[in-house]
Amino acid sequence: MCQSPVHPRPLARTLLSCALAGCMALAAPAVLAQSTAATIRGQVMADSTPATDARVTATNTATGLTRSVQANANGNYSLGGLPPGTYRLDVTADGQSTSQTVTVAVGQVATLNLGVGGVAEAAPAGEATDMDTVRVTATALVETRTSEVATYVSQKQIESLPQGTRNFLAFADTVPGMVFTQDGNGNTKLRSGGQSANNINVFIDGVGQKSYTMPGGVPGQDTSRGNPFPQSAIGEYKVITSNYKAEFDQISSAAIVAATRSGTNDFEGSFFWDRTGTEWRARTPAEIKSGNKVDSKEEQYGVSFAGPILEDRLHFFVAYEAKEYVTPKTLGLGQQGRYDVDDVPDFLLAGIGPANSPFKQDMYFGKLSWSVNDNNLVELSAQIREEEETIRNDGAFTVDRATFITNDVTRYDLRWQFSGDSWLNDMHLTYEDTAWTPRPLADGIGYILTVSDYNDQNERDNPQNIVSSGAGSNNQDKGQEGWSFQNDLTFTGWDRHTLKMGVKYKKVDVNATERNFSNPQFYYDIHQSTEQPYRVEFGRGIPGTAGGFTTSDNTQLGLYIQDDWEVNDHLTLNLGVRWDYETTPVYEDFVTPADLAENMRNHPNLQNSDIDVENYISNGNNRSSYKSAWQPRIGFSYDIGGDQRNVIFGGAGRSYDRNLFTNLQKEQQTTTYAGPYRAYFVDADGVCRNANGCVAWDPVYLTEAGLDQLVAAGDVSREFYLINNDLKVPYSDQFSLGIRNTWDFGETSWNSEVAVAHIRSYDGLSVRLGNRRPDGSFFPPDANWGTPWDFDAPFGRIVLVDNGLETKTNTLLMKMDKPYTNASGWGVTLAYTYTDAERNSAEDGAGIFDYPYAGYFGWLPVAQVPRHRFVGTAIWDGPGGITYSGKLTMESMRYRVSNDCRDVCFPSSYRPDGTIGLLQLDLAANKVWQVSDDISFRVRGDILNVTNRRNWNSYNDNWVAENFGQHEDGIQLPTRTFKLSFGIDW
C-alpha cells in the first residue's frame, strides 16, 4: 500500500501519488535531468546502420565530470544530468571510435546524431564536419525540437550587455513577452504578459526560489532595489514564457531557469568595481525646476574565486557582491490647483524638494562540487543575502516620511546526482530562511494633509493627499523558514521515450508580525484646519492575544510525471501531468471569534446585501486545503525536414500557483491587533461629516493616553479581514503555437521564432471592501460611485478576501538572433512582442475597494503592459581589442487606468498623447589588457539612456482637470548616466 506523508489534514490518495511515491521509495530507474541540467540525445550509426553496442561518454572539458551511457538496440542514446558547459563526446562502437566537442546550455535538450566507421551523421546547424578524421566539431548545440516557448540568456550576454544594475533578471528583458521594470524608487520586478511579478518563479540549480510570504516572485523582491542573487555566480539561464513541462511548480506566468557557476581544474579569480554618481548623470526634471542637484551614488563591487581541491573530482567556487546606492527622489505637493499653496504650513513646505534614498546590500555565494566517481556528483551550495535601505517615495511626502527595511535571505542546498546507463536520479535537500522587516524610519506621530470638497459627500469619503509627513505607519516583520526534499528521476531505457517523474516535499514555517499604525496617523483637511485633525488612525494589540503575530506550519507536496516521446525523426510529443497540494493551518484551522460572527449575522447592512456572511465565518472545521490542483501539460514539436532547421511547435497546459501568506494571515492578524482603530472628530467648523458620528476634538488625543481613552469609550471602529471558506488556488491555462527556423547566410547562421500565445488566469486573490450602506447597497442611490468607507458596522470595517481576479493575454512573440561566437566575434538579438492584456480589475494586485467585486466594471487594459515592445541587442569585438555592445528598448504608450468622474464615476482607461512611451538606448565598451599569461586587467564604460530621453511615468489621471493626461515630473530612471567599471581577472 502507498502511504501518504503525515499532514495536519487527511490527504486523499490517488493512483498517481501511489505510483510516484512507490517509484521514489524503490529508486527505480526513471527521469530526465532536473530543470537546470542539460541533455544530449540522438542515435549512433556505424556504416549506415544503428550501432547496437555503442557507448557514448561525455567529459566536461573544464571540470573532468564524466557521464557514460550504453546505446540501446536501435543505437539511441541519452546523456542527462549535464551541468551547462563544454563536453568532449567519445563514441565507441564495433571496435571503432570517434569524438567531438559540443557546448550545451542550461536546461537544454539537444539532439545530436553520431557516426563511426567512416560515416559522420549530419550535425545540427552551426557545426562543421571534418570528413578526413570522421570528427564532428561544434561550438554550441541548438535546441529546436522543443514545445516550450523559451529563450536562452548566455554568459556572454550577461558579461557584455549594458546594464545599470547587476540584477541578473534584467537580461530577461531581452526575451519576447518579458518586462523588467525599475520604478522611481529603484525597486525592480520581472513580469510576463498580463500577470504580476508574483506569478514568476525562479529556479536556481533546480530549486524554486518562490516567496511564500510576500509579492515579487522570489524572496526579497517586494520593494527592494537589491539583486536576488550574485550575478557573478550565475553562469547562464533560460526563460520559459509558456508551455513549460510538468516539473515546474508554483507558477502561472514565466519560469526562469538558472545555473550557478562551478569551479574548474584551473585556479581563477575575479574582482570588479563600478560606480556612477551625481557628477556622472543628467539632472531629473525636479532637479532642473529646483536648481539643486541631489547627491546620488551607485556603487557595486565584488570578488570571486574558483578552482580545484582535487583535480577532476572536487572543485570550489565562492563569490561576494555588494551594492551601495543613494538614489535621488522628488518630493512635492500633490493635488495642486485645488488649494492655495500659501495655506500649507511652513514645516511641511520645508520638508519637500529634492531628497535621496540610501541602500546597502551584501551577497555571498559558495559551492563545492564533488565528482565522487563517474556515477555520483555531490554539490553543496550556500547563499546569504543581507540588505538594508531607507525608502523615500517620489511625490507627496516630506523627507522625514520614510521607511527603513532590512531584507535577508539564507539558503543551503545539498544535491546528489546518481546516474546509470539508462537512468539518472537528482536529489535536493534544501534549507531556507528569509525575513523582510519594514518599519518607520522614526517613531512618533504622522501628519497627513488632505483636500476634498466638503459639499460633496463622495469627495468627503475619498479625500486626496496633499502631503504626508512625520512617522509612517508601516511596521512589519515577515518571512519563511523550513526544509524541503525533492527528487527527480529520469529513465531513458524505453526506446524513443524519456520518462520523467518527481516529488517535492516541503515543511516551511511562514510567519508575519504586522503592527501597522503603531504610530498614530492624524488627518487634516486644508479647507477646514491645518491644526485640528478630522480623523485619526492608530493601532493597538488586543489583550490576551498574540498582538499581531501570526505563524503557520505549512506542508507542501508536489508530484509529476512526464513522457517526452520521440514518435519518429520528425514528431516529438511532451505528455505530462503534475499535482500540487499545500496545507495552511492559519487559514484552515482559523475560528472566527464568536462575538464577531454574531455581530456579522445581526448587522442589517450585511443582511440586506448580496453578501452571504456564512461564507466568511469559520468554525475551524469548514475549511480544507485545495486538492484539485491537477495540471495536464501537453506539447509537440514537428521537425519538417528532420534536420532541426524548420520546426512547428505548440502546446496547452494548466499551471497552479499559490496564495501568498501575507494575505492569508490577515484574518488572524486583524483579530489580534487592531490596526487601525479609526475615530472621526467634529470638524473645525463644528459640523460632524462622518455618517457614523464624531468625537469632539481634544488635544489630549495627540497622546497615547488620549488614544487609549478613545478605545475605552468605544469611540473607535476597527478593521477585520474575513476570508472565503472555499478559497481556491490561482492558476492559468496556456496555449501556444509557433514555428522556429534556422537560416544560413554564407557562413553565418541565424535563428528565428514566431509564436502566438493565449494565457488566461483565474482565481486570483481579490481583497474587497465588505462595508455596505443601510439598504445593503455598495453605491449611493441612483449612482455607480461612492465607496461606502464610512459605513462601518458598529463593530468595525469589513474587508473580504475571495477568489475572483482574472486576466487574459494574447501575445505575438517574434525573435531573431545570431548567437555570439568567438570565431565570428559578434552577435545580435532582436525581440518584438505585441500584447493585448486585460484584467477584470482596475488595480494591479489584490486590492479592489472602489467597486463591489472584481469584474463589476468589466475588463480593463493592464496598465503595466505596453501594446508594442521591441528590444534589440548587439555585441561586437571591435578593433583594438575593444568589445562594444548596445541595447535599444522601445515601447508604445502604456494604458493608464483611473476613475472617470466627468458624468458618473467608473474606472476607465486612456493612453497619453504620443506614439513612443519609452525609448532607451544603452551603450558599453570594454577593453581587456593581458598583463601576463595569468593576469588580465579590464576597463569598461557604460552610457545608459544615451539620448537622455524623458521616459515619463507620472501623469495627471484626473479626468476633470484641465491638464488631464499631461505628464508630471516623475520619470523612469535613469537619466543619461555614465558608469565606469574596472576589474582584474587571474
Foldseek 3Di string as FASTA:
>chain_A
DADDDDDPDDFDDDPQVRVQVVCVVVVDFAFADFQFKEKEKEFEEEPNAGQAAKKKKKAAPFFRFIAIFGAHRRRIAMTGDHHFHKIWIWMDGPNWIEIEIETEGTRYYAYAYAYTHQDGDDGFPQWDADSVRSYTYHYYTDHQFDQFLKDKFAQCNLVFEDDDDNASCCVCCLFFQKDWAQFQQQQIAIDGELAGSLQEWEAEPNRTQAFQFDRRRHAPSPPDNDHPAGSLFWGIWMKTQDQDAPSDAQHFGIYIYTYTDAAGADKKKKKKKWKFWQVFFDAFLLCVVVVHGDTKMKMKIKMKIKHAPDGSFKIKIKMKMKIKIKRKAFEAFPPPPQDDPVLDDPVQVVQGGIDIKIKMKMKMKMKMWGCPDNFKIKMKMKIKMWMKIKTDHHYFEGPQFIKIKIKIKIKIKIWMWGDDNFKIKIKIKMKMKIKIWIAWPDAAAKEWEWEFDPVDLLRVLPTHTGHIYDTFFWTKMWIKTWIKMKMKMWGGPPPQKIKIKMKMKIKMKTKMATFGQCHKYFYCYSVFDSVFGFKIWHKDFDPPDPRRIDIWTKIKMKIKMWMFGPPDLFKTKIWMKMWMWMDTCLQLQDADPPVVLVLCVPFLLNVLAPDDCVQFGDHRHLADIDGPRMKIRIKMKGHPVSNSFKIKIKIKMKHFHFDRVNQSNQQVSCVGMFGIWMFGEQTNVRHRSFPVDHHHDDVVCSDPVVVVVCVVVLRTAGEHETEGRHQDTKMKMKIKIKMKGWDDDPSFIKIKIKMKMKMKIWFAKAKEWPAGPSSNHQDDPPAQWRGPPRRARSHHTYIYITGDKMKIKIKIKIKMKGDDDPVVQKIKIKIKMAMFMKMQALDNHHYDYTHGGRNPVHIDTSQVDFRIKMKMKMWGQDPPRKIKMKIKIWGFFGKHWDWAPPPGTDIDIDGADDGTLDIKMKMKMKHWDPPDPFKIKMKMKMWIRQVQDFNADAAQCHNPDPRHRPGDSHGRDDGTGMMIMMMMMD
